[in-house]
N, C-alpha and C. Protein backbone atom coordinates (compact mmCIF):
# COMPACT_ATOMS: atom_id res chain seq x y z
N MET A 1 106.81 103.96 113.70
CA MET A 1 106.14 102.67 113.80
C MET A 1 105.84 102.33 115.26
N LYS A 2 106.81 102.57 116.11
CA LYS A 2 106.63 102.26 117.53
C LYS A 2 105.53 103.14 118.13
N THR A 3 105.50 104.41 117.75
CA THR A 3 104.48 105.32 118.26
C THR A 3 103.10 104.88 117.80
N THR A 4 102.98 104.41 116.58
CA THR A 4 101.69 103.96 116.05
C THR A 4 101.18 102.75 116.83
N VAL A 5 102.06 101.81 117.12
CA VAL A 5 101.66 100.62 117.88
C VAL A 5 101.25 101.00 119.30
N ILE A 6 102.00 101.91 119.91
CA ILE A 6 101.65 102.36 121.26
C ILE A 6 100.29 103.05 121.25
N LEU A 7 100.04 103.90 120.26
CA LEU A 7 98.75 104.58 120.17
C LEU A 7 97.62 103.59 119.91
N MET A 8 97.88 102.56 119.13
CA MET A 8 96.86 101.53 118.90
C MET A 8 96.53 100.78 120.20
N LEU A 9 97.54 100.41 120.96
CA LEU A 9 97.31 99.72 122.22
C LEU A 9 96.58 100.60 123.23
N LEU A 10 96.98 101.87 123.31
CA LEU A 10 96.29 102.79 124.21
C LEU A 10 94.84 103.00 123.77
N GLY A 11 94.63 103.10 122.47
CA GLY A 11 93.26 103.25 121.97
C GLY A 11 92.41 102.03 122.26
N ALA A 12 92.99 100.85 122.12
CA ALA A 12 92.24 99.62 122.41
C ALA A 12 91.88 99.53 123.89
N ILE A 13 92.82 99.87 124.76
CA ILE A 13 92.54 99.84 126.20
C ILE A 13 91.50 100.89 126.56
N LEU A 14 91.63 102.08 126.00
CA LEU A 14 90.67 103.14 126.28
C LEU A 14 89.28 102.79 125.76
N GLY A 15 89.21 102.21 124.57
CA GLY A 15 87.92 101.81 124.02
C GLY A 15 87.25 100.73 124.84
N ALA A 16 88.02 99.76 125.31
CA ALA A 16 87.44 98.71 126.17
C ALA A 16 87.00 99.27 127.51
N ALA A 17 87.76 100.23 128.04
CA ALA A 17 87.39 100.83 129.32
C ALA A 17 86.10 101.65 129.17
N ILE A 18 85.98 102.40 128.09
CA ILE A 18 84.76 103.17 127.86
C ILE A 18 83.57 102.23 127.69
N ALA A 19 83.76 101.13 126.97
CA ALA A 19 82.68 100.16 126.80
C ALA A 19 82.29 99.54 128.15
N SER A 20 83.27 99.33 129.02
CA SER A 20 82.96 98.77 130.35
C SER A 20 82.13 99.73 131.18
N ILE A 21 82.26 101.02 130.93
CA ILE A 21 81.49 102.01 131.68
C ILE A 21 80.12 102.23 131.05
N VAL A 22 80.03 102.22 129.73
CA VAL A 22 78.80 102.59 129.03
C VAL A 22 77.83 101.41 128.89
N VAL A 23 78.34 100.21 128.66
CA VAL A 23 77.47 99.07 128.33
C VAL A 23 76.59 98.60 129.50
N PRO A 24 77.07 98.46 130.73
CA PRO A 24 76.16 97.98 131.78
C PRO A 24 74.90 98.82 131.98
N PRO A 25 74.97 100.16 132.02
CA PRO A 25 73.72 100.90 132.10
C PRO A 25 72.82 100.71 130.88
N ALA A 26 73.45 100.58 129.71
CA ALA A 26 72.66 100.35 128.50
C ALA A 26 71.97 98.99 128.54
N LEU A 27 72.66 97.98 129.06
CA LEU A 27 72.04 96.66 129.19
C LEU A 27 70.90 96.67 130.19
N SER A 28 71.06 97.39 131.30
CA SER A 28 69.97 97.44 132.28
C SER A 28 68.78 98.20 131.72
N TRP A 29 69.04 99.25 130.92
CA TRP A 29 67.93 99.96 130.28
C TRP A 29 67.24 99.06 129.25
N TYR A 30 68.01 98.30 128.51
CA TYR A 30 67.46 97.43 127.48
C TYR A 30 66.61 96.31 128.09
N ALA A 31 67.02 95.80 129.23
CA ALA A 31 66.34 94.67 129.84
C ALA A 31 65.18 95.07 130.75
N SER A 32 65.07 96.35 131.11
CA SER A 32 64.00 96.75 132.03
C SER A 32 62.68 96.92 131.27
N PRO A 33 61.59 96.46 131.86
CA PRO A 33 60.29 96.61 131.20
C PRO A 33 59.81 98.05 131.29
N GLY A 34 59.13 98.49 130.27
CA GLY A 34 58.64 99.86 130.25
C GLY A 34 57.14 99.92 130.47
N GLY A 35 56.65 101.07 130.87
CA GLY A 35 55.23 101.27 131.03
C GLY A 35 54.63 100.66 132.27
N ILE A 36 55.43 100.32 133.26
CA ILE A 36 54.90 99.75 134.50
C ILE A 36 54.76 100.88 135.51
N PRO A 37 53.58 101.02 136.10
CA PRO A 37 53.41 102.09 137.09
C PRO A 37 54.32 101.88 138.29
N GLY A 38 54.73 102.97 138.89
CA GLY A 38 55.64 102.89 140.03
C GLY A 38 55.06 102.11 141.19
N GLY A 39 55.82 101.24 141.76
CA GLY A 39 55.39 100.45 142.89
C GLY A 39 54.80 99.11 142.52
N ALA A 40 54.53 98.88 141.24
CA ALA A 40 53.96 97.60 140.82
C ALA A 40 55.06 96.53 140.80
N GLN A 41 54.71 95.35 141.22
CA GLN A 41 55.66 94.24 141.22
C GLN A 41 55.65 93.56 139.86
N ILE A 42 56.82 93.20 139.40
CA ILE A 42 56.96 92.48 138.14
C ILE A 42 57.05 91.01 138.47
N GLN A 43 56.14 90.23 137.91
CA GLN A 43 56.17 88.79 138.13
C GLN A 43 56.70 88.15 136.86
N ALA A 44 57.85 87.58 136.96
CA ALA A 44 58.46 86.97 135.80
C ALA A 44 59.21 85.72 136.22
N VAL A 45 59.18 84.74 135.35
CA VAL A 45 59.97 83.54 135.55
C VAL A 45 61.20 83.69 134.65
N VAL A 46 62.35 83.69 135.27
CA VAL A 46 63.58 83.95 134.55
C VAL A 46 64.53 82.78 134.75
N GLN A 47 65.17 82.41 133.68
CA GLN A 47 66.22 81.42 133.79
C GLN A 47 67.54 82.17 133.96
N VAL A 48 68.02 82.16 135.16
CA VAL A 48 69.17 82.98 135.54
C VAL A 48 70.41 82.68 134.70
N PRO A 49 70.76 81.43 134.43
CA PRO A 49 71.96 81.20 133.61
C PRO A 49 71.88 81.85 132.23
N GLN A 50 70.72 81.86 131.61
CA GLN A 50 70.58 82.50 130.30
C GLN A 50 70.73 84.01 130.40
N VAL A 51 70.18 84.59 131.45
CA VAL A 51 70.30 86.04 131.64
C VAL A 51 71.76 86.42 131.87
N ILE A 52 72.46 85.66 132.70
CA ILE A 52 73.88 85.94 132.96
C ILE A 52 74.69 85.76 131.68
N HIS A 53 74.40 84.70 130.93
CA HIS A 53 75.11 84.47 129.68
C HIS A 53 74.89 85.63 128.72
N PHE A 54 73.65 86.12 128.61
CA PHE A 54 73.35 87.24 127.73
C PHE A 54 74.11 88.49 128.16
N ALA A 55 74.07 88.80 129.45
CA ALA A 55 74.70 90.02 129.94
C ALA A 55 76.22 89.98 129.77
N VAL A 56 76.83 88.88 130.14
CA VAL A 56 78.29 88.79 130.05
C VAL A 56 78.75 88.75 128.60
N SER A 57 78.05 88.00 127.76
CA SER A 57 78.46 87.94 126.35
C SER A 57 78.26 89.29 125.67
N SER A 58 77.21 90.02 126.04
CA SER A 58 77.03 91.36 125.46
C SER A 58 78.13 92.31 125.91
N LEU A 59 78.48 92.25 127.19
CA LEU A 59 79.54 93.11 127.69
C LEU A 59 80.87 92.81 127.01
N ILE A 60 81.21 91.54 126.88
CA ILE A 60 82.47 91.17 126.24
C ILE A 60 82.47 91.56 124.77
N ARG A 61 81.34 91.35 124.08
CA ARG A 61 81.25 91.71 122.67
C ARG A 61 81.47 93.22 122.50
N TRP A 62 80.83 94.03 123.33
CA TRP A 62 80.98 95.47 123.20
C TRP A 62 82.36 95.95 123.64
N GLN A 63 83.00 95.23 124.54
CA GLN A 63 84.38 95.57 124.89
C GLN A 63 85.30 95.30 123.69
N LEU A 64 85.06 94.20 122.99
CA LEU A 64 85.86 93.91 121.79
C LEU A 64 85.62 94.96 120.71
N ILE A 65 84.37 95.35 120.53
CA ILE A 65 84.05 96.37 119.53
C ILE A 65 84.70 97.70 119.92
N GLY A 66 84.59 98.08 121.20
CA GLY A 66 85.22 99.31 121.66
C GLY A 66 86.73 99.27 121.52
N GLY A 67 87.32 98.13 121.83
CA GLY A 67 88.76 97.98 121.66
C GLY A 67 89.18 98.08 120.20
N GLY A 68 88.40 97.49 119.32
CA GLY A 68 88.70 97.58 117.89
C GLY A 68 88.59 99.00 117.37
N ILE A 69 87.54 99.71 117.80
CA ILE A 69 87.38 101.10 117.38
C ILE A 69 88.51 101.96 117.93
N GLY A 70 88.89 101.73 119.19
CA GLY A 70 90.00 102.47 119.77
C GLY A 70 91.32 102.18 119.08
N ALA A 71 91.55 100.91 118.73
CA ALA A 71 92.78 100.55 118.02
C ALA A 71 92.82 101.19 116.63
N ALA A 72 91.67 101.20 115.95
CA ALA A 72 91.62 101.84 114.63
C ALA A 72 91.87 103.34 114.75
N ALA A 73 91.30 103.97 115.77
CA ALA A 73 91.54 105.40 115.97
C ALA A 73 93.01 105.66 116.29
N GLY A 74 93.62 104.79 117.10
CA GLY A 74 95.04 104.91 117.39
C GLY A 74 95.91 104.72 116.16
N LEU A 75 95.50 103.80 115.28
CA LEU A 75 96.24 103.59 114.03
C LEU A 75 96.17 104.83 113.15
N VAL A 76 94.98 105.39 113.00
CA VAL A 76 94.83 106.59 112.17
C VAL A 76 95.63 107.74 112.77
N LEU A 77 95.53 107.93 114.08
CA LEU A 77 96.28 109.00 114.73
C LEU A 77 97.78 108.79 114.57
N GLY A 78 98.24 107.56 114.73
CA GLY A 78 99.66 107.27 114.55
C GLY A 78 100.14 107.52 113.14
N LEU A 79 99.32 107.16 112.15
CA LEU A 79 99.71 107.40 110.75
C LEU A 79 99.74 108.89 110.44
N VAL A 80 98.77 109.63 110.98
CA VAL A 80 98.75 111.07 110.75
C VAL A 80 99.97 111.74 111.39
N LEU A 81 100.25 111.37 112.63
CA LEU A 81 101.41 111.96 113.29
C LEU A 81 102.72 111.54 112.63
N ASN A 82 102.78 110.32 112.14
CA ASN A 82 103.99 109.83 111.48
C ASN A 82 104.18 110.51 110.13
N SER A 83 103.10 110.75 109.39
CA SER A 83 103.25 111.39 108.09
C SER A 83 103.61 112.86 108.23
N ARG A 84 103.18 113.51 109.32
CA ARG A 84 103.56 114.90 109.55
C ARG A 84 105.04 115.01 109.89
N GLY A 85 105.59 113.97 110.49
CA GLY A 85 106.99 114.00 110.86
C GLY A 85 107.93 113.81 109.67
N ARG A 86 107.42 113.26 108.61
CA ARG A 86 108.25 113.02 107.42
C ARG A 86 108.22 114.24 106.52
N ARG A 87 109.29 114.87 106.42
CA ARG A 87 109.44 116.01 105.53
C ARG A 87 110.61 115.72 104.60
N GLU A 88 110.67 116.46 103.53
CA GLU A 88 111.70 116.21 102.53
C GLU A 88 113.10 116.43 103.11
N GLY A 89 113.27 117.39 103.96
CA GLY A 89 114.58 117.69 104.53
C GLY A 89 115.07 116.62 105.48
N GLN A 90 114.18 115.82 105.99
CA GLN A 90 114.57 114.80 106.95
C GLN A 90 115.40 113.70 106.28
N TYR A 91 115.14 113.43 105.01
CA TYR A 91 115.85 112.36 104.32
C TYR A 91 116.97 112.89 103.42
N SER A 92 117.36 114.12 103.59
CA SER A 92 118.39 114.70 102.72
C SER A 92 119.76 114.07 102.95
N ARG A 93 120.01 113.52 104.12
CA ARG A 93 121.32 112.93 104.37
C ARG A 93 121.52 111.63 103.61
N TYR A 94 120.46 111.02 103.09
CA TYR A 94 120.58 109.78 102.35
C TYR A 94 120.76 109.99 100.86
N ARG A 95 120.62 111.20 100.41
CA ARG A 95 120.74 111.47 98.97
C ARG A 95 122.22 111.54 98.59
N THR A 96 122.46 111.09 97.37
CA THR A 96 123.85 111.19 96.86
C THR A 96 123.97 112.48 96.07
N ALA A 97 125.16 113.06 96.10
CA ALA A 97 125.37 114.34 95.45
C ALA A 97 125.65 114.22 93.99
């Protein structure tokens, strides 16, 4: 049980860390305009608070999703490792003769 919880926590931290690395480049790709010739200036009126809110909320959302996926993977790994450790001979000392 303890190993499963530790693996879940490690998976959640690892998933959030991977999301922190992957999501910012994906957000910049998603927000960049396409088909503009090199050297052309983009003229846009942007409301900066909305852009910041979108970027930060997307990053946090994907960190939560990555953490959840990592925790689920840690749970599955912990259950698999725990079930392999349980063999019939391990509980033989509890049987009555």
